[in-house]
C-alpha cells in the first residue's frame, strides 16, 4: 500500500525513481524496492518524500499507521533483550567494530547477516532486527544514547555504497530529540574504552540491567555494584569522546570518503569493461593476411 501511494505521488510529480532518489538522497534501488513492497522504509524516508512530492504529509501519516513487522522471530538467546527494548525507558550503548542493531540500515544488516545465513533465514533476521528500531525512531521514543568506537565507521560492511547510506542514516537519526550519537576516535589518546560492546538498560520499574554479548548468546546482569561500575566507565568515555556535533562532522567526512571510493570503483569497473570490450572486438575482427617481405638473396 505504501509503495503504491508513493509511486502515485512520484509519477504525479513527473519524477523518475532515480530523480527522486537523488533528492532524498538514497540509491535508486531503495526507492524501487519501497515501491515494490520489498523494503520497509524509515519514517525519515516518508517525511522526505512528503516534502519533495508535496503530499501534505500523507506518506508520514500512512507510515505511522502501518504495522510493518506484525510477525518476527528473534533468536532464542536474543528474545529477552528484544523484550526489554520494547519497554525500556532509556538505553545507553557502547559499540565497537559494527554498527549497533538499532541504528543499522536494511542493506547494512543484510550484508552483515549474509556472512552467516542465506535465503529465508536471512530475510527473517533482517526483518527482526529492523523491527526493534521502530519504537526508538517513532515520535516521542525513549532516550537512546550511543557511543560508537571509530572502528564502526571504518570497518566496511557490504560495499562503499552500503557504508555511505549507513553514515547518512546515522546523520538523519542523530537529529532526533531522543537520540544522541557520539564517536570515540581512534586517534584520541587516554580514552578508557570498555573491553567489549555493552548496553545499559533502564526499565519502567526502575530496574537497571547491563547487557553484553559473546559469539552466540546474550549476558544479563542486574547487580547494582556492577551496573554502577559500568555506568561510571560509560559516562567518562562519553565525556571524553567527540561531542554529538563533532561526531556528526566525522561521520559526514567518512560518508564522503565512501562516496568518493564508490565512484572510483565504478570508474575502475567501467574502464575494465571497456578493456574487455576492446579485447573482444579485436578477437572478433577479421584477420587479414599481411604481405611479408621475402628475404633478400645474397649475391655470390
C-alpha atoms as a PDB file:
ATOM      1  CA  UNK A   1       0.000   0.000   0.000  1.00  0.00           C
ATOM      2  CA  UNK A   2       2.740   2.459   0.967  1.00  0.00           C
ATOM      3  CA  UNK A   3       4.675   1.671  -2.216  1.00  0.00           C
ATOM      4  CA  UNK A   4       1.636   2.216  -4.421  1.00  0.00           C
ATOM      5  CA  UNK A   5       0.857   5.569  -2.806  1.00  0.00           C
ATOM      6  CA  UNK A   6       4.477   6.651  -3.140  1.00  0.00           C
ATOM      7  CA  UNK A   7       4.514   5.682  -6.814  1.00  0.00           C
ATOM      8  CA  UNK A   8       1.292   7.633  -7.394  1.00  0.00           C
ATOM      9  CA  UNK A   9       2.706  10.866  -5.962  1.00  0.00           C
ATOM     10  CA  UNK A  10       6.103  10.386  -7.648  1.00  0.00           C
ATOM     11  CA  UNK A  11       4.555   9.916 -11.076  1.00  0.00           C
ATOM     12  CA  UNK A  12       2.194  12.837 -10.478  1.00  0.00           C
ATOM     13  CA  UNK A  13       5.287  14.964  -9.807  1.00  0.00           C
ATOM     14  CA  UNK A  14       6.782  13.718 -13.111  1.00  0.00           C
ATOM     15  CA  UNK A  15       9.830  12.292 -11.344  1.00  0.00           C
ATOM     16  CA  UNK A  16      11.654   9.071 -12.124  1.00  0.00           C
ATOM     17  CA  UNK A  17      12.814   6.802  -9.324  1.00  0.00           C
ATOM     18  CA  UNK A  18      16.368   7.950  -9.938  1.00  0.00           C
ATOM     19  CA  UNK A  19      15.420  11.639  -9.812  1.00  0.00           C
ATOM     20  CA  UNK A  20      13.581  11.190  -6.512  1.00  0.00           C
ATOM     21  CA  UNK A  21      16.466   9.157  -5.087  1.00  0.00           C
ATOM     22  CA  UNK A  22      18.938  11.932  -5.900  1.00  0.00           C
ATOM     23  CA  UNK A  23      16.878  14.463  -3.975  1.00  0.00           C
ATOM     24  CA  UNK A  24      16.299  12.351  -0.832  1.00  0.00           C
ATOM     25  CA  UNK A  25      19.258  11.273  -1.183  1.00  0.00           C
ATOM     26  CA  UNK A  26      19.486   7.478  -1.473  1.00  0.00           C
ATOM     27  CA  UNK A  27      20.083   4.794  -4.092  1.00  0.00           C
ATOM     28  CA  UNK A  28      17.508   4.391  -6.855  1.00  0.00           C
ATOM     29  CA  UNK A  29      17.208   0.715  -5.910  1.00  0.00           C
ATOM     30  CA  UNK A  30      15.947   1.738  -2.462  1.00  0.00           C
ATOM     31  CA  UNK A  31      13.065   3.738  -3.973  1.00  0.00           C
ATOM     32  CA  UNK A  32      12.317   0.867  -6.362  1.00  0.00           C
ATOM     33  CA  UNK A  33      12.163  -1.683  -3.552  1.00  0.00           C
ATOM     34  CA  UNK A  34       9.973   0.521  -1.366  1.00  0.00           C
ATOM     35  CA  UNK A  35       7.546   0.984  -4.261  1.00  0.00           C
ATOM     36  CA  UNK A  36       7.606  -2.771  -4.945  1.00  0.00           C
ATOM     37  CA  UNK A  37       6.809  -3.525  -1.304  1.00  0.00           C
ATOM     38  CA  UNK A  38      10.024  -5.453  -0.673  1.00  0.00           C
ATOM     39  CA  UNK A  39      11.741  -2.867   1.538  1.00  0.00           C
ATOM     40  CA  UNK A  40      10.477  -1.277   4.750  1.00  0.00           C
ATOM     41  CA  UNK A  41      11.232   2.482   4.677  1.00  0.00           C
ATOM     42  CA  UNK A  42      12.261   4.578   7.635  1.00  0.00           C
ATOM     43  CA  UNK A  43       9.894   7.334   8.707  1.00  0.00           C
ATOM     44  CA  UNK A  44      12.571   9.857   7.677  1.00  0.00           C
ATOM     45  CA  UNK A  45      12.245   8.487   4.145  1.00  0.00           C
ATOM     46  CA  UNK A  46       8.472   9.014   4.274  1.00  0.00           C
ATOM     47  CA  UNK A  47       8.844  12.589   5.565  1.00  0.00           C
ATOM     48  CA  UNK A  48      11.454  13.429   2.927  1.00  0.00           C
ATOM     49  CA  UNK A  49       9.169  12.144   0.174  1.00  0.00           C
ATOM     50  CA  UNK A  50       6.269  14.158   1.606  1.00  0.00           C
ATOM     51  CA  UNK A  51       8.323  17.347   1.367  1.00  0.00           C
ATOM     52  CA  UNK A  52       9.734  16.621  -2.085  1.00  0.00           C
ATOM     53  CA  UNK A  53       6.433  15.476  -3.615  1.00  0.00           C
ATOM     54  CA  UNK A  54       4.159  17.974  -1.855  1.00  0.00           C
ATOM     55  CA  UNK A  55       1.812  15.325  -0.436  1.00  0.00           C
ATOM     56  CA  UNK A  56       0.712  17.313   2.601  1.00  0.00           C
ATOM     57  CA  UNK A  57       2.120  14.677   4.968  1.00  0.00           C
ATOM     58  CA  UNK A  58       0.158  11.725   3.562  1.00  0.00           C
ATOM     59  CA  UNK A  59       3.119   9.337   3.452  1.00  0.00           C
ATOM     60  CA  UNK A  60       4.265  10.092   7.011  1.00  0.00           C
ATOM     61  CA  UNK A  61       0.730   9.538   8.369  1.00  0.00           C
ATOM     62  CA  UNK A  62       0.416   6.317   6.383  1.00  0.00           C
ATOM     63  CA  UNK A  63       3.826   5.129   7.599  1.00  0.00           C
ATOM     64  CA  UNK A  64       2.772   5.650  11.245  1.00  0.00           C
ATOM     65  CA  UNK A  65      -0.399   3.564  10.800  1.00  0.00           C
ATOM     66  CA  UNK A  66       1.176   0.549   9.132  1.00  0.00           C
ATOM     67  CA  UNK A  67       2.270  -2.413  11.259  1.00  0.00           C
ATOM     68  CA  UNK A  68       5.485  -3.043   9.376  1.00  0.00           C
ATOM     69  CA  UNK A  69       6.551  -6.094  11.397  1.00  0.00           C
ATOM     70  CA  UNK A  70       3.431  -7.965  12.525  1.00  0.00           C
ATOM     71  CA  UNK A  71       5.292 -11.266  12.905  1.00  0.00           C
ATOM     72  CA  UNK A  72       9.006 -11.529  13.553  1.00  0.00           C
ATOM     73  CA  UNK A  73      11.081 -14.145  15.311  1.00  0.00           C
ATOM     74  CA  UNK A  74      14.201 -13.229  17.228  1.00  0.00           C
ATOM     75  CA  UNK A  75      16.847 -15.861  18.025  1.00  0.00           C
ATOM     76  CA  UNK A  76      16.049 -17.567  21.328  1.00  0.00           C
ATOM     77  CA  UNK A  77      19.113 -16.169  23.066  1.00  0.00           C
ATOM     78  CA  UNK A  78      18.210 -12.600  21.995  1.00  0.00           C
ATOM     79  CA  UNK A  79      14.458 -12.644  22.675  1.00  0.00           C
ATOM     80  CA  UNK A  80      14.832 -11.375  26.228  1.00  0.00           C
ATOM     81  CA  UNK A  81      16.837  -8.362  25.048  1.00  0.00           C
ATOM     82  CA  UNK A  82      14.252  -7.586  22.355  1.00  0.00           C
ATOM     83  CA  UNK A  83      11.516  -7.663  25.005  1.00  0.00           C
ATOM     84  CA  UNK A  84      13.491  -5.166  27.099  1.00  0.00           C
ATOM     85  CA  UNK A  85      13.821  -2.837  24.104  1.00  0.00           C
ATOM     86  CA  UNK A  86      10.027  -2.823  23.785  1.00  0.00           C
ATOM     87  CA  UNK A  87       9.588  -1.248  27.224  1.00  0.00           C
ATOM     88  CA  UNK A  88      12.928   0.411  28.073  1.00  0.00           C
ATOM     89  CA  UNK A  89      12.783   3.962  29.434  1.00  0.00           C
ATOM     90  CA  UNK A  90      16.338   4.700  28.334  1.00  0.00           C
ATOM     91  CA  UNK A  91      19.196   2.909  26.644  1.00  0.00           C
ATOM     92  CA  UNK A  92      22.884   3.788  26.683  1.00  0.00           C
ATOM     93  CA  UNK A  93      25.206   1.780  24.458  1.00  0.00           C
ATOM     94  CA  UNK A  94      28.865   1.458  23.603  1.00  0.00           C
ATOM     95  CA  UNK A  95      29.559  -0.343  20.330  1.00  0.00           C
ATOM     96  CA  UNK A  96      32.741  -1.410  18.600  1.00  0.00           C
ATOM     97  CA  UNK A  97      33.550  -2.949  15.195  1.00  0.00           C
ATOM     98  CA  UNK A  98      29.979  -2.961  13.785  1.00  0.00           C
ATOM     99  CA  UNK A  99      27.009  -0.606  13.996  1.00  0.00           C
ATOM    100  CA  UNK A 100      24.503  -1.299  16.777  1.00  0.00           C
ATOM    101  CA  UNK A 101      21.398  -3.097  15.581  1.00  0.00           C
ATOM    102  CA  UNK A 102      19.124  -0.180  16.477  1.00  0.00           C
ATOM    103  CA  UNK A 103      20.994   2.056  14.012  1.00  0.00           C
ATOM    104  CA  UNK A 104      21.578  -0.326  11.107  1.00  0.00           C
ATOM    105  CA  UNK A 105      20.049   0.203   7.686  1.00  0.00           C
ATOM    106  CA  UNK A 106      18.394  -2.725   5.945  1.00  0.00           C
ATOM    107  CA  UNK A 107      21.274  -3.063   3.473  1.00  0.00           C
ATOM    108  CA  UNK A 108      23.864  -2.963   6.244  1.00  0.00           C
ATOM    109  CA  UNK A 109      22.014  -5.610   8.271  1.00  0.00           C
ATOM    110  CA  UNK A 110      21.593  -7.794   5.192  1.00  0.00           C
ATOM    111  CA  UNK A 111      25.275  -7.519   4.318  1.00  0.00           C
ATOM    112  CA  UNK A 112      26.203  -8.396   7.895  1.00  0.00           C
ATOM    113  CA  UNK A 113      23.860 -11.372   8.223  1.00  0.00           C
ATOM    114  CA  UNK A 114      24.692 -12.697   4.749  1.00  0.00           C
ATOM    115  CA  UNK A 115      28.067 -13.733   6.146  1.00  0.00           C
ATOM    116  CA  UNK A 116      26.230 -16.254   8.334  1.00  0.00           C
ATOM    117  CA  UNK A 117      22.906 -17.228   6.763  1.00  0.00           C
ATOM    118  CA  UNK A 118      21.030 -17.021   3.462  1.00  0.00           C
ATOM    119  CA  UNK A 119      17.575 -17.386   1.927  1.00  0.00           C
ATOM    120  CA  UNK A 120      14.502 -17.034   4.121  1.00  0.00           C
ATOM    121  CA  UNK A 121      16.524 -17.072   7.328  1.00  0.00           C
ATOM    122  CA  UNK A 122      18.466 -14.059   6.091  1.00  0.00           C
ATOM    123  CA  UNK A 123      15.256 -12.161   5.316  1.00  0.00           C
ATOM    124  CA  UNK A 124      13.769 -13.052   8.701  1.00  0.00           C
ATOM    125  CA  UNK A 125      16.830 -11.916  10.610  1.00  0.00           C
ATOM    126  CA  UNK A 126      16.875  -8.577   8.808  1.00  0.00           C
ATOM    127  CA  UNK A 127      13.154  -8.052   9.452  1.00  0.00           C
ATOM    128  CA  UNK A 128      13.577  -8.933  13.127  1.00  0.00           C
ATOM    129  CA  UNK A 129      16.460  -6.507  13.509  1.00  0.00           C
ATOM    130  CA  UNK A 130      14.645  -3.617  11.849  1.00  0.00           C
ATOM    131  CA  UNK A 131      11.504  -4.291  13.886  1.00  0.00           C
ATOM    132  CA  UNK A 132      13.381  -3.313  17.066  1.00  0.00           C
ATOM    133  CA  UNK A 133      14.111   0.148  15.702  1.00  0.00           C
ATOM    134  CA  UNK A 134      10.572   1.432  15.243  1.00  0.00           C
ATOM    135  CA  UNK A 135       9.947   2.343  18.873  1.00  0.00           C
ATOM    136  CA  UNK A 136      13.164   4.364  19.130  1.00  0.00           C
ATOM    137  CA  UNK A 137      12.587   6.118  15.795  1.00  0.00           C
ATOM    138  CA  UNK A 138       8.948   6.958  16.474  1.00  0.00           C
ATOM    139  CA  UNK A 139       7.822  10.354  17.753  1.00  0.00           C
ATOM    140  CA  UNK A 140       8.474  10.569  21.485  1.00  0.00           C
ATOM    141  CA  UNK A 141      10.679   7.469  21.517  1.00  0.00           C
ATOM    142  CA  UNK A 142      12.780   6.539  24.572  1.00  0.00           C
ATOM    143  CA  UNK A 143      16.134   8.166  25.225  1.00  0.00           C
ATOM    144  CA  UNK A 144      18.864   6.434  23.241  1.00  0.00           C
ATOM    145  CA  UNK A 145      22.498   7.456  23.619  1.00  0.00           C
ATOM    146  CA  UNK A 146      25.225   5.551  21.810  1.00  0.00           C
ATOM    147  CA  UNK A 147      28.990   5.933  21.765  1.00  0.00           C
ATOM    148  CA  UNK A 148      30.480   4.389  18.630  1.00  0.00           C
ATOM    149  CA  UNK A 149      34.074   3.318  18.535  1.00  0.00           C
ATOM    150  CA  UNK A 150      35.539   4.732  15.322  1.00  0.00           C
ATOM    151  CA  UNK A 151      36.039   1.152  14.113  1.00  0.00           C
ATOM    152  CA  UNK A 152      32.272   1.016  13.478  1.00  0.00           C
ATOM    153  CA  UNK A 153      32.750   3.645  10.772  1.00  0.00           C
ATOM    154  CA  UNK A 154      35.968   2.221   9.344  1.00  0.00           C
ATOM    155  CA  UNK A 155      35.024  -1.464   9.046  1.00  0.00           C
ATOM    156  CA  UNK A 156      33.392  -1.694   5.622  1.00  0.00           C
ATOM    157  CA  UNK A 157      30.345  -3.951   5.606  1.00  0.00           C
ATOM    158  CA  UNK A 158      28.872  -4.786   2.211  1.00  0.00           C
ATOM    159  CA  UNK A 159      30.233  -2.086  -0.083  1.00  0.00           C
ATOM    160  CA  UNK A 160      31.121   1.622  -0.155  1.00  0.00           C
ATOM    161  CA  UNK A 161      27.518   2.373  -1.170  1.00  0.00           C
ATOM    162  CA  UNK A 162      26.152   0.439   1.823  1.00  0.00           C
ATOM    163  CA  UNK A 163      28.513   2.302   4.163  1.00  0.00           C
ATOM    164  CA  UNK A 164      27.697   5.662   2.583  1.00  0.00           C
ATOM    165  CA  UNK A 165      23.973   5.103   3.153  1.00  0.00           C
ATOM    166  CA  UNK A 166      24.663   3.830   6.671  1.00  0.00           C
ATOM    167  CA  UNK A 167      26.546   7.024   7.521  1.00  0.00           C
ATOM    168  CA  UNK A 168      23.731   9.119   6.037  1.00  0.00           C
ATOM    169  CA  UNK A 169      21.284   7.198   8.217  1.00  0.00           C
ATOM    170  CA  UNK A 170      23.350   7.971  11.329  1.00  0.00           C
ATOM    171  CA  UNK A 171      23.249  11.660  10.471  1.00  0.00           C
ATOM    172  CA  UNK A 172      19.471  11.557   9.987  1.00  0.00           C
ATOM    173  CA  UNK A 173      18.548   9.712  13.174  1.00  0.00           C
ATOM    174  CA  UNK A 174      21.106  11.680  15.189  1.00  0.00           C
ATOM    175  CA  UNK A 175      18.952  14.787  14.662  1.00  0.00           C
ATOM    176  CA  UNK A 176      16.068  13.277  16.624  1.00  0.00           C
ATOM    177  CA  UNK A 177      15.464  14.786  20.068  1.00  0.00           C
ATOM    178  CA  UNK A 178      15.691  11.393  21.806  1.00  0.00           C
ATOM    179  CA  UNK A 179      18.857  10.111  20.079  1.00  0.00           C
ATOM    180  CA  UNK A 180      22.457  11.186  20.525  1.00  0.00           C
ATOM    181  CA  UNK A 181      25.361   9.615  18.622  1.00  0.00           C
ATOM    182  CA  UNK A 182      28.962  10.229  19.674  1.00  0.00           C
ATOM    183  CA  UNK A 183      32.192   8.778  18.304  1.00  0.00           C
ATOM    184  CA  UNK A 184      35.216   7.684  20.309  1.00  0.00           C
ATOM    185  CA  UNK A 185      38.020   8.487  17.833  1.00  0.00           C
ATOM    186  CA  UNK A 186      40.873   6.038  17.362  1.00  0.00           C
ATOM    187  CA  UNK A 187      43.428   8.853  17.407  1.00  0.00           C
ATOM    188  CA  UNK A 188      42.471  10.235  20.817  1.00  0.00           C
ATOM    189  CA  UNK A 189      44.873   9.012  23.470  1.00  0.00           C
ATOM    190  CA  UNK A 190      43.759   8.350  27.026  1.00  0.00           C
ATOM    191  CA  UNK A 191      40.246   7.138  26.228  1.00  0.00           C
ATOM    192  CA  UNK A 192      39.315   4.288  28.531  1.00  0.00           C
ATOM    193  CA  UNK A 193      37.111   2.017  26.442  1.00  0.00           C
ATOM    194  CA  UNK A 194      35.119  -0.941  27.758  1.00  0.00           C
ATOM    195  CA  UNK A 195      36.546  -4.353  26.894  1.00  0.00           C
ATOM    196  CA  UNK A 196      33.604  -5.015  24.572  1.00  0.00           C
ATOM    197  CA  UNK A 197      30.283  -3.675  23.373  1.00  0.00           C
ATOM    198  CA  UNK A 198      27.685  -3.221  26.104  1.00  0.00           C
ATOM    199  CA  UNK A 199      24.235  -1.791  26.794  1.00  0.00           C
ATOM    200  CA  UNK A 200      22.950  -0.080  29.932  1.00  0.00           C
ATOM    201  CA  UNK A 201      19.167  -0.545  30.056  1.00  0.00           C
ATOM    202  CA  UNK A 202      16.707   1.197  32.383  1.00  0.00           C
ATOM    203  CA  UNK A 203      13.235  -0.378  32.641  1.00  0.00           C
ATOM    204  CA  UNK A 204       9.976   1.338  33.692  1.00  0.00           C
ATOM    205  CA  UNK A 205      10.130  -0.193  37.184  1.00  0.00           C
ATOM    206  CA  UNK A 206      13.499   1.464  37.770  1.00  0.00           C
ATOM    207  CA  UNK A 207      15.402  -1.777  37.319  1.00  0.00           C
ATOM    208  CA  UNK A 208      18.831  -1.383  35.671  1.00  0.00           C
ATOM    209  CA  UNK A 209      20.477  -4.047  33.538  1.00  0.00           C
ATOM    210  CA  UNK A 210      23.888  -4.475  31.942  1.00  0.00           C
ATOM    211  CA  UNK A 211      23.735  -6.392  28.674  1.00  0.00           C
ATOM    212  CA  UNK A 212      26.653  -7.745  26.638  1.00  0.00           C
ATOM    213  CA  UNK A 213      27.124 -10.439  24.009  1.00  0.00           C
ATOM    214  CA  UNK A 214      29.514 -13.261  23.266  1.00  0.00           C
ATOM    215  CA  UNK A 215      29.554 -15.137  19.957  1.00  0.00           C
ATOM    216  CA  UNK A 216      26.102 -16.717  20.209  1.00  0.00           C
ATOM    217  CA  UNK A 217      24.484 -15.667  23.461  1.00  0.00           C
ATOM    218  CA  UNK A 218      23.499 -12.617  25.455  1.00  0.00           C
ATOM    219  CA  UNK A 219      24.568 -11.890  29.030  1.00  0.00           C
ATOM    220  CA  UNK A 220      22.364 -10.028  31.526  1.00  0.00           C
ATOM    221  CA  UNK A 221      23.410  -8.727  34.929  1.00  0.00           C
ATOM    222  CA  UNK A 222      21.401  -6.561  37.331  1.00  0.00           C
ATOM    223  CA  UNK A 223      23.938  -6.433  40.168  1.00  0.00           C
ATOM    224  CA  UNK A 224      23.803  -2.787  41.365  1.00  0.00           C
ATOM    225  CA  UNK A 225      27.549  -2.611  42.026  1.00  0.00           C
ATOM    226  CA  UNK A 226      28.368  -3.965  38.557  1.00  0.00           C
ATOM    227  CA  UNK A 227      25.907  -1.592  36.907  1.00  0.00           C
ATOM    228  CA  UNK A 228      27.370   1.380  38.815  1.00  0.00           C
ATOM    229  CA  UNK A 229      30.912   0.450  37.727  1.00  0.00           C
ATOM    230  CA  UNK A 230      29.989   0.081  34.051  1.00  0.00           C
ATOM    231  CA  UNK A 231      27.843   3.219  34.182  1.00  0.00           C
ATOM    232  CA  UNK A 232      30.806   5.196  35.540  1.00  0.00           C
ATOM    233  CA  UNK A 233      33.076   3.850  32.775  1.00  0.00           C
ATOM    234  CA  UNK A 234      30.479   4.733  30.151  1.00  0.00           C
ATOM    235  CA  UNK A 235      29.886   8.268  31.429  1.00  0.00           C
ATOM    236  CA  UNK A 236      33.619   9.036  31.498  1.00  0.00           C
ATOM    237  CA  UNK A 237      34.066   7.664  27.973  1.00  0.00           C
ATOM    238  CA  UNK A 238      31.132   9.685  26.701  1.00  0.00           C
ATOM    239  CA  UNK A 239      32.517  12.857  28.274  1.00  0.00           C
ATOM    240  CA  UNK A 240      35.928  12.286  26.661  1.00  0.00           C
ATOM    241  CA  UNK A 241      34.582  11.275  23.237  1.00  0.00           C
ATOM    242  CA  UNK A 242      33.687  13.706  20.478  1.00  0.00           C
ATOM    243  CA  UNK A 243      30.563  15.752  21.090  1.00  0.00           C
ATOM    244  CA  UNK A 244      27.461  14.960  19.040  1.00  0.00           C
ATOM    245  CA  UNK A 245      28.108  17.857  16.561  1.00  0.00           C
ATOM    246  CA  UNK A 246      31.802  16.919  16.253  1.00  0.00           C
ATOM    247  CA  UNK A 247      30.800  13.294  15.736  1.00  0.00           C
ATOM    248  CA  UNK A 248      28.365  14.318  13.007  1.00  0.00           C
ATOM    249  CA  UNK A 249      31.212  16.116  11.227  1.00  0.00           C
ATOM    250  CA  UNK A 250      33.380  12.983  11.383  1.00  0.00           C
ATOM    251  CA  UNK A 251      30.519  10.791  10.170  1.00  0.00           C
ATOM    252  CA  UNK A 252      29.893  13.195   7.281  1.00  0.00           C
ATOM    253  CA  UNK A 253      33.585  13.125   6.305  1.00  0.00           C
ATOM    254  CA  UNK A 254      33.527   9.328   6.403  1.00  0.00           C
ATOM    255  CA  UNK A 255      30.390   9.285   4.262  1.00  0.00           C
ATOM    256  CA  UNK A 256      32.072  11.495   1.668  1.00  0.00           C
ATOM    257  CA  UNK A 257      35.098   9.189   1.562  1.00  0.00           C
ATOM    258  CA  UNK A 258      32.861   6.177   0.947  1.00  0.00           C
ATOM    259  CA  UNK A 259      31.049   8.081  -1.791  1.00  0.00           C
ATOM    260  CA  UNK A 260      34.382   9.000  -3.422  1.00  0.00           C
ATOM    261  CA  UNK A 261      35.631   5.418  -3.062  1.00  0.00           C
ATOM    262  CA  UNK A 262      32.428   4.155  -4.651  1.00  0.00           C
ATOM    263  CA  UNK A 263      32.884   6.481  -7.635  1.00  0.00           C
ATOM    264  CA  UNK A 264      36.483   5.328  -8.026  1.00  0.00           C
ATOM    265  CA  UNK A 265      35.358   1.696  -8.043  1.00  0.00           C
ATOM    266  CA  UNK A 266      32.635   2.491 -10.576  1.00  0.00           C
ATOM    267  CA  UNK A 267      35.167   4.234 -12.829  1.00  0.00           C
ATOM    268  CA  UNK A 268      37.520   1.262 -12.490  1.00  0.00           C
ATOM    269  CA  UNK A 269      34.723  -1.174 -13.349  1.00  0.00           C
ATOM    270  CA  UNK A 270      33.824   0.927 -16.398  1.00  0.00           C
ATOM    271  CA  UNK A 271      37.444   1.033 -17.530  1.00  0.00           C
ATOM    272  CA  UNK A 272      37.804  -2.734 -17.125  1.00  0.00           C
ATOM    273  CA  UNK A 273      34.571  -3.267 -19.065  1.00  0.00           C
ATOM    274  CA  UNK A 274      35.826  -1.085 -21.910  1.00  0.00           C
ATOM    275  CA  UNK A 275      39.095  -3.009 -21.989  1.00  0.00           C
ATOM    276  CA  UNK A 276      37.246  -6.317 -22.177  1.00  0.00           C
ATOM    277  CA  UNK A 277      35.066  -4.960 -24.977  1.00  0.00           C
ATOM    278  CA  UNK A 278      38.124  -3.776 -26.913  1.00  0.00           C
ATOM    279  CA  UNK A 279      39.797  -7.151 -26.490  1.00  0.00           C
ATOM    280  CA  UNK A 280      36.611  -8.917 -27.584  1.00  0.00           C
ATOM    281  CA  UNK A 281      36.319  -6.632 -30.609  1.00  0.00           C
ATOM    282  CA  UNK A 282      39.925  -7.332 -31.518  1.00  0.00           C
ATOM    283  CA  UNK A 283      39.417 -11.084 -31.217  1.00  0.00           C
ATOM    284  CA  UNK A 284      36.279 -10.994 -33.354  1.00  0.00           C
ATOM    285  CA  UNK A 285      37.695  -8.761 -36.086  1.00  0.00           C
ATOM    286  CA  UNK A 286      38.643 -10.487 -39.369  1.00  0.00           C
ATOM    287  CA  UNK A 287      42.264 -11.411 -39.718  1.00  0.00           C
ATOM    288  CA  UNK A 288      43.770 -10.177 -42.994  1.00  0.00           C
ATOM    289  CA  UNK A 289      46.966 -11.709 -44.328  1.00  0.00           C
ATOM    290  CA  UNK A 290      49.889  -9.379 -44.238  1.00  0.00           C
ATOM    291  CA  UNK A 291      52.425  -9.206 -47.033  1.00  0.00           C
ATOM    292  CA  UNK A 292      55.739 -10.180 -45.592  1.00  0.00           C
ATOM    293  CA  UNK A 293      58.877  -9.137 -47.485  1.00  0.00           C
ATOM    294  CA  UNK A 294      60.815 -12.051 -48.938  1.00  0.00           C
ATOM    295  CA  UNK A 295      64.336 -12.454 -47.642  1.00  0.00           C
ATOM    296  CA  UNK A 296      66.870 -10.900 -49.964  1.00  0.00           C
ATOM    297  CA  UNK A 297      69.114 -13.328 -51.721  1.00  0.00           C
ATOM    298  CA  UNK A 298      72.773 -12.826 -51.109  1.00  0.00           C
ATOM    299  CA  UNK A 299      74.905 -12.132 -54.138  1.00  0.00           C
ATOM    300  CA  UNK A 300      77.524 -14.787 -54.865  1.00  0.00           C
END
